[in-house]
Amino acid sequence: MYTLGIETSCDETSASVVYKGREILSNVVATSLPLHKEYGGIIPEIASRMQLEAITPVVSSAFRSAKKRIGDIGLISVTSGPGLLGSLIVGLSFAKALSASQAIPVLGVNHLYSHIFASFLGRGEKVPRFPFVALIVSGGHTNLFYVQGFDRISLLGKTLDDAAGEAFDKVAKILGLGYPGGPVIERLAQEGDPHSILFNCSRTQAPLDFSFSGIKTAVLYYARSHTKGEKGMLRRSLRKNIAASFQETVFRVLIEKSLAACRMKGVKTLVVGGGVASNKTLRNLCIGTLRRSGIRVFFPSQPLSVDNAAMVASLGYYLYKNGHRDNLYLNVGLD
């Protein structure tokens, strides 16, 4: 069966055609990110307005790239939440209209859960085996899940304040690096010493929860105390070391708690997804550390780490095969 995936949870507009949940025939992504940079963050009204303009050409492009027509589609899988309300409405309304006009079943899927199953795409039969622990780490979410099946997912831990990606954005702003913060901090950190400055993340009462607001504040105070000159500028060498030390600390916490979750549940597989999962340093640290503990780690390809419709199509396919159904009363779920 061919599934059309539609994803509009944040600033991306994406459509994808996926065969049998694993083979990507097309995956088209349009982003409004350049329009948000001057504001230092996502502006929901700008995102949804651009998605209104982009959704039709993006879906059309996905069909052309896949060399398929709407009549070939057996299921429309669409992100129904969580995400920005206006953005979700754009994708959901388009999917329901297409479903009604073409008599194709429509199914809403959880955006975070679809990140888990991005690692099932493009691997043939070499996919994670249930049960496993999943770490989803992005600009808006940092969560640990215990995954026993496509529709058997339970929350183990979550961030109590800033998500990891959000902390990257705020630290980048402190250092005057612009937005988004993840890629620029990753580049700068490659030239710095990750052990030169001692930062710590706040402890949490629940062992698998996360807190990143404290380290963000620590970076702010450290940067303020080391600014020089009338303009209050940090030396570039110091900015490199701050970026490297901050990144290393955050990643070590993510890895330590993921390892603890795997041990708690007695599993030997960790799946990592979300935008921050595209960071090469995180990938190398995570795979190296957990391999020494006998745990196999799966990352999606870098293009599938960020929001995309292929992962939405994949999860929708498996849920549909497991008997899940929706109708035109399908609505947005923000939680």
Protein backbone atom coordinates (compact mmCIF):
# COMPACT_ATOMS: atom_id res chain seq x y z
CA MET A 1 0.00 0.00 0.00
CA TYR A 2 1.14 3.53 -0.80
CA THR A 3 0.72 6.08 1.97
CA LEU A 4 0.69 9.84 1.55
CA GLY A 5 2.22 11.54 4.59
CA ILE A 6 1.57 15.20 5.44
CA GLU A 7 3.52 17.04 8.16
CA THR A 8 2.95 20.69 9.18
CA SER A 9 3.59 20.75 12.93
CA CYS A 10 5.99 23.72 13.00
CA ASP A 11 7.82 25.72 10.31
CA GLU A 12 8.16 22.92 7.75
CA THR A 13 5.61 21.89 5.15
CA SER A 14 6.29 18.33 4.04
CA ALA A 15 4.64 15.63 1.95
CA SER A 16 5.88 12.12 1.24
CA VAL A 17 4.81 8.97 -0.56
CA VAL A 18 5.96 5.81 1.23
CA TYR A 19 5.47 2.20 0.15
CA LYS A 20 4.60 -0.40 2.81
CA GLY A 21 5.79 1.84 5.60
CA ARG A 22 9.50 1.62 4.80
CA GLU A 23 10.34 2.53 1.21
CA ILE A 24 10.46 6.28 0.59
CA LEU A 25 9.40 7.16 -2.96
CA SER A 26 9.41 10.91 -2.29
CA ASN A 27 9.91 13.24 0.64
CA VAL A 28 9.49 16.93 -0.12
CA VAL A 29 10.17 19.53 2.59
CA ALA A 30 9.65 23.29 2.33
CA THR A 31 10.69 25.47 5.26
CA SER A 32 9.91 29.01 6.34
CA LEU A 33 12.93 29.09 8.67
CA PRO A 34 14.71 31.99 6.90
CA LEU A 35 11.68 34.20 7.63
CA HIS A 36 11.96 33.51 11.37
CA LYS A 37 15.69 34.15 11.80
CA GLU A 38 15.43 37.90 12.34
CA TYR A 39 13.03 37.27 15.25
CA GLY A 40 15.25 34.71 16.96
CA GLY A 41 12.53 32.07 17.04
CA ILE A 42 9.50 30.62 15.30
CA ILE A 43 6.63 33.06 14.76
CA PRO A 44 3.47 30.89 14.55
CA GLU A 45 1.54 33.30 12.32
CA ILE A 46 4.35 33.42 9.76
CA ALA A 47 4.70 29.63 9.81
CA SER A 48 1.01 28.90 9.20
CA ARG A 49 0.67 31.60 6.53
CA MET A 50 3.58 30.17 4.55
CA GLN A 51 2.17 26.65 4.97
CA LEU A 52 -1.12 27.77 3.45
CA GLU A 53 0.82 28.86 0.38
CA ALA A 54 3.13 25.83 0.29
CA ILE A 55 0.88 22.85 1.02
CA THR A 56 -0.59 22.35 -2.47
CA PRO A 57 2.68 22.67 -4.43
CA VAL A 58 4.54 20.51 -1.89
CA VAL A 59 1.99 17.67 -2.14
CA SER A 60 1.97 17.96 -5.93
CA SER A 61 5.78 17.80 -5.96
CA ALA A 62 5.71 14.68 -3.77
CA PHE A 63 3.43 12.93 -6.27
CA ARG A 64 5.63 13.94 -9.20
CA SER A 65 8.81 12.76 -7.48
CA ALA A 66 7.20 9.44 -6.56
CA LYS A 67 5.73 9.06 -10.06
CA LYS A 68 2.37 8.27 -8.48
CA ARG A 69 -1.14 9.71 -8.66
CA ILE A 70 -3.74 10.28 -5.99
CA GLY A 71 -5.57 7.15 -7.19
CA ASP A 72 -2.57 5.05 -6.15
CA ILE A 73 -2.81 6.16 -2.52
CA GLY A 74 -4.43 3.80 -0.02
CA LEU A 75 -4.03 5.96 3.10
CA ILE A 76 -3.43 9.59 4.04
CA SER A 77 -1.41 9.92 7.24
CA VAL A 78 -1.23 13.41 8.74
CA THR A 79 0.32 14.96 11.84
CA SER A 80 -2.49 15.83 14.25
CA GLY A 81 -0.25 17.01 17.11
CA PRO A 82 1.61 18.14 19.05
CA GLY A 83 2.72 21.36 17.36
CA LEU A 84 1.63 24.88 16.53
CA LEU A 85 -2.16 25.14 16.36
CA GLY A 86 -2.38 27.13 13.12
CA SER A 87 0.21 24.97 11.40
CA LEU A 88 -1.47 21.73 12.40
CA ILE A 89 -4.82 23.01 11.12
CA VAL A 90 -3.33 23.66 7.67
CA GLY A 91 -2.10 20.08 7.23
CA LEU A 92 -5.09 18.46 8.87
CA SER A 93 -7.61 20.45 6.82
CA PHE A 94 -5.80 19.63 3.59
CA ALA A 95 -5.63 15.93 4.45
CA LYS A 96 -9.32 15.74 5.37
CA ALA A 97 -10.35 17.60 2.22
CA LEU A 98 -8.30 15.20 0.11
CA SER A 99 -9.73 12.24 1.99
CA ALA A 100 -13.32 13.40 1.48
CA SER A 101 -12.92 14.24 -2.20
CA GLN A 102 -11.09 11.02 -3.13
CA ALA A 103 -12.66 8.56 -0.64
CA ILE A 104 -9.26 7.69 0.85
CA PRO A 105 -8.95 6.79 4.55
CA VAL A 106 -7.26 9.44 6.70
CA LEU A 107 -5.37 8.80 9.94
CA GLY A 108 -3.92 11.31 12.40
CA VAL A 109 -0.59 10.48 14.04
CA ASN A 110 1.43 11.87 16.92
CA HIS A 111 4.34 13.95 15.65
CA LEU A 112 6.68 12.85 18.47
CA TYR A 113 5.90 9.17 18.00
CA SER A 114 6.61 9.45 14.28
CA HIS A 115 10.16 10.64 15.12
CA ILE A 116 10.68 7.31 16.87
CA PHE A 117 9.91 5.38 13.72
CA ALA A 118 12.02 7.52 11.37
CA SER A 119 14.70 4.90 12.08
CA PHE A 120 12.52 2.26 10.38
CA LEU A 121 12.84 3.97 7.00
CA GLY A 122 15.38 3.01 4.36
CA ARG A 123 16.87 0.10 6.34
CA GLY A 124 15.18 -2.89 4.73
CA GLU A 125 14.84 -5.54 7.43
CA LYS A 126 17.60 -4.08 9.62
CA VAL A 127 15.24 -2.13 11.85
CA PRO A 128 14.94 -1.87 15.65
CA ARG A 129 13.20 -4.77 17.34
CA PHE A 130 10.60 -4.28 20.04
CA PRO A 131 10.84 -3.53 22.88
CA PHE A 132 13.29 -0.63 22.97
CA VAL A 133 13.86 2.76 24.58
CA ALA A 134 13.48 5.90 22.44
CA LEU A 135 15.03 9.32 23.06
CA ILE A 136 13.32 12.16 21.19
CA VAL A 137 15.30 15.37 21.39
CA SER A 138 14.34 18.51 19.48
CA GLY A 139 13.71 22.22 19.79
CA GLY A 140 10.40 21.71 21.53
CA HIS A 141 10.67 18.32 23.23
CA THR A 142 13.07 16.09 25.13
CA ASN A 143 11.43 12.79 26.05
CA LEU A 144 12.29 9.20 26.87
CA PHE A 145 9.80 6.52 25.83
CA TYR A 146 9.47 2.80 26.35
CA VAL A 147 8.30 1.33 23.03
CA GLN A 148 6.71 -2.13 22.94
CA GLY A 149 4.94 -1.72 19.62
CA PHE A 150 3.71 0.83 17.11
CA ASP A 151 0.75 1.59 19.35
CA ARG A 152 2.28 0.64 22.70
CA ILE A 153 4.36 3.65 23.74
CA SER A 154 4.73 4.88 27.32
CA LEU A 155 6.49 7.98 28.64
CA LEU A 156 9.48 7.39 30.92
CA GLY A 157 10.83 10.91 31.30
CA LYS A 158 10.49 14.43 29.96
CA THR A 159 12.02 17.87 30.25
CA LEU A 160 10.70 19.95 33.13
CA ASP A 161 11.57 23.27 31.48
CA ASP A 162 13.58 23.99 28.32
CA ALA A 163 13.94 21.27 25.72
CA ALA A 164 17.52 20.52 24.70
CA GLY A 165 17.11 22.22 21.31
CA GLU A 166 15.57 25.25 22.97
CA ALA A 167 18.57 25.48 25.30
CA PHE A 168 20.85 25.44 22.24
CA ASP A 169 18.90 28.34 20.74
CA LYS A 170 19.10 30.37 23.95
CA VAL A 171 22.81 29.74 24.45
CA ALA A 172 23.46 30.71 20.84
CA LYS A 173 21.64 33.98 21.50
CA ILE A 174 23.75 34.58 24.63
CA LEU A 175 26.89 34.05 22.55
CA GLY A 176 25.65 36.26 19.72
CA LEU A 177 25.55 33.41 17.22
CA GLY A 178 22.07 33.88 15.76
CA TYR A 179 19.17 31.48 15.20
CA PRO A 180 18.74 28.53 15.00
CA GLY A 181 21.36 27.69 17.61
CA GLY A 182 21.95 23.96 17.09
CA PRO A 183 23.92 23.99 13.83
CA VAL A 184 26.02 27.05 14.68
CA ILE A 185 26.94 25.76 18.15
CA GLU A 186 27.84 22.39 16.62
CA ARG A 187 30.21 24.07 14.15
CA LEU A 188 31.78 26.31 16.79
CA ALA A 189 32.13 23.47 19.29
CA GLN A 190 34.27 21.50 16.85
CA GLU A 191 37.02 24.08 17.35
CA GLY A 192 36.68 24.27 21.15
CA ASP A 193 37.75 22.21 24.17
CA PRO A 194 34.70 20.42 25.63
CA HIS A 195 36.48 19.92 28.97
CA SER A 196 37.72 23.49 29.45
CA ILE A 197 34.68 24.77 31.41
CA LEU A 198 32.68 22.88 34.02
CA PHE A 199 28.95 23.22 33.41
CA ASN A 200 26.23 21.08 34.96
CA CYS A 201 22.58 20.38 34.24
CA SER A 202 20.11 20.67 37.08
CA ARG A 203 19.24 17.48 38.92
CA THR A 204 15.66 16.24 38.81
CA GLN A 205 13.63 14.40 41.40
CA ALA A 206 12.54 11.78 38.87
CA PRO A 207 15.72 10.11 37.58
CA LEU A 208 14.66 10.05 33.91
CA ASP A 209 13.40 13.63 33.70
CA PHE A 210 15.53 16.43 32.23
CA SER A 211 16.19 20.06 33.10
CA PHE A 212 18.21 22.41 30.90
CA SER A 213 17.24 25.85 32.20
CA GLY A 214 20.02 25.78 34.80
CA ILE A 215 22.86 25.21 32.36
CA LYS A 216 21.49 27.96 30.12
CA THR A 217 21.67 30.37 33.09
CA ALA A 218 25.17 29.16 33.99
CA VAL A 219 26.35 29.93 30.46
CA LEU A 220 24.78 33.40 30.70
CA TYR A 221 26.59 34.25 33.96
CA TYR A 222 29.87 32.80 32.71
CA ALA A 223 29.68 34.78 29.49
CA ARG A 224 28.85 38.01 31.35
CA SER A 225 31.80 37.57 33.70
CA HIS A 226 34.24 37.09 30.82
CA THR A 227 33.19 39.83 28.43
CA LYS A 228 35.88 42.33 27.49
CA GLY A 229 35.95 45.84 26.08
CA GLU A 230 33.38 48.58 25.69
CA LYS A 231 31.11 46.46 23.48
CA GLY A 232 31.17 43.56 25.92
CA MET A 233 32.45 41.05 23.36
CA LEU A 234 33.67 37.56 24.17
CA ARG A 235 36.94 36.39 22.66
CA ARG A 236 36.25 33.95 19.82
CA SER A 237 38.47 31.31 21.44
CA LEU A 238 36.38 31.54 24.61
CA ARG A 239 33.12 31.31 22.66
CA LYS A 240 34.44 28.10 21.09
CA ASN A 241 35.17 26.60 24.50
CA ILE A 242 31.82 27.68 25.93
CA ALA A 243 29.99 26.11 22.96
CA ALA A 244 31.99 22.88 23.22
CA SER A 245 31.61 22.57 27.00
CA PHE A 246 27.89 23.36 26.93
CA GLN A 247 27.24 20.88 24.13
CA GLU A 248 29.28 18.14 25.80
CA THR A 249 27.43 18.57 29.12
CA VAL A 250 23.97 18.43 27.53
CA PHE A 251 24.85 15.39 25.44
CA ARG A 252 26.35 13.52 28.39
CA VAL A 253 23.13 13.98 30.35
CA LEU A 254 21.02 12.78 27.40
CA ILE A 255 23.22 9.71 27.04
CA GLU A 256 23.42 8.90 30.76
CA LYS A 257 19.65 9.03 31.21
CA SER A 258 19.05 7.03 28.04
CA LEU A 259 21.42 4.36 29.33
CA ALA A 260 19.65 4.38 32.69
CA ALA A 261 16.30 3.93 30.94
CA CYS A 262 17.60 0.97 28.94
CA ARG A 263 18.91 -0.67 32.11
CA MET A 264 15.67 0.03 33.97
CA LYS A 265 13.62 -1.67 31.23
CA GLY A 266 16.17 -4.40 30.52
CA VAL A 267 16.44 -3.62 26.81
CA LYS A 268 19.47 -3.60 24.53
CA THR A 269 18.29 -1.10 21.91
CA LEU A 270 18.06 2.69 21.94
CA VAL A 271 16.39 4.66 19.14
CA VAL A 272 17.19 8.39 18.90
CA GLY A 273 15.15 10.89 16.87
CA GLY A 274 14.32 14.58 16.56
CA GLY A 275 16.17 17.56 15.14
CA VAL A 276 19.04 17.46 17.64
CA ALA A 277 19.69 13.86 16.57
CA SER A 278 21.26 15.24 13.39
CA ASN A 279 24.21 16.51 15.47
CA LYS A 280 27.27 14.42 14.56
CA THR A 281 28.89 14.83 17.97
CA LEU A 282 25.79 13.45 19.69
CA ARG A 283 25.71 10.54 17.28
CA ASN A 284 29.35 9.63 17.87
CA LEU A 285 29.19 10.04 21.66
CA CYS A 286 25.96 8.11 21.96
CA ILE A 287 26.96 5.19 19.76
CA GLY A 288 30.43 4.92 21.35
CA THR A 289 29.21 5.14 24.95
CA LEU A 290 26.26 2.78 24.66
CA ARG A 291 28.13 0.25 22.55
CA ARG A 292 30.51 -0.26 25.47
CA SER A 293 27.45 -1.14 27.56
CA GLY A 294 26.20 -3.64 24.99
CA ILE A 295 23.39 -1.44 23.72
CA ARG A 296 22.71 -0.99 20.01
CA VAL A 297 21.82 2.54 18.92
CA PHE A 298 19.70 3.53 15.93
CA PHE A 299 19.69 7.02 14.44
CA PRO A 300 17.66 8.03 11.38
CA SER A 301 19.51 9.50 8.43
CA GLN A 302 20.18 13.20 8.97
CA PRO A 303 17.41 14.39 6.57
CA LEU A 304 14.92 12.22 8.50
CA SER A 305 15.98 13.63 11.88
CA VAL A 306 14.20 16.92 11.24
CA ASP A 307 10.42 17.19 10.76
CA ASN A 308 9.38 15.36 7.60
CA ALA A 309 6.35 13.58 6.17
CA ALA A 310 8.04 10.25 5.45
CA MET A 311 8.10 9.34 9.14
CA VAL A 312 4.44 10.40 9.43
CA ALA A 313 3.52 8.16 6.50
CA SER A 314 5.48 5.26 7.97
CA LEU A 315 3.87 5.35 11.41
CA GLY A 316 0.42 5.90 9.90
CA TYR A 317 0.83 2.80 7.74
CA TYR A 318 1.67 0.56 10.70
CA LEU A 319 -1.10 1.98 12.86
CA TYR A 320 -3.60 1.43 10.05
CA LYS A 321 -2.39 -2.16 9.65
CA ASN A 322 -2.95 -2.60 13.40
CA GLY A 323 -6.58 -1.54 13.08
CA HIS A 324 -6.45 2.17 13.94
CA ARG A 325 -9.04 4.30 12.15
CA ASP A 326 -10.05 7.97 12.03
CA ASN A 327 -12.74 9.91 10.19
CA LEU A 328 -13.45 13.47 9.12
CA TYR A 329 -14.12 14.45 12.75
CA LEU A 330 -10.36 14.04 13.35
CA ASN A 331 -9.14 17.10 15.24
CA VAL A 332 -5.90 18.69 16.42
CA GLY A 333 -4.30 17.35 19.59
CA LEU A 334 -1.83 19.80 21.13
CA ASP A 335 -0.66 17.55 24.00
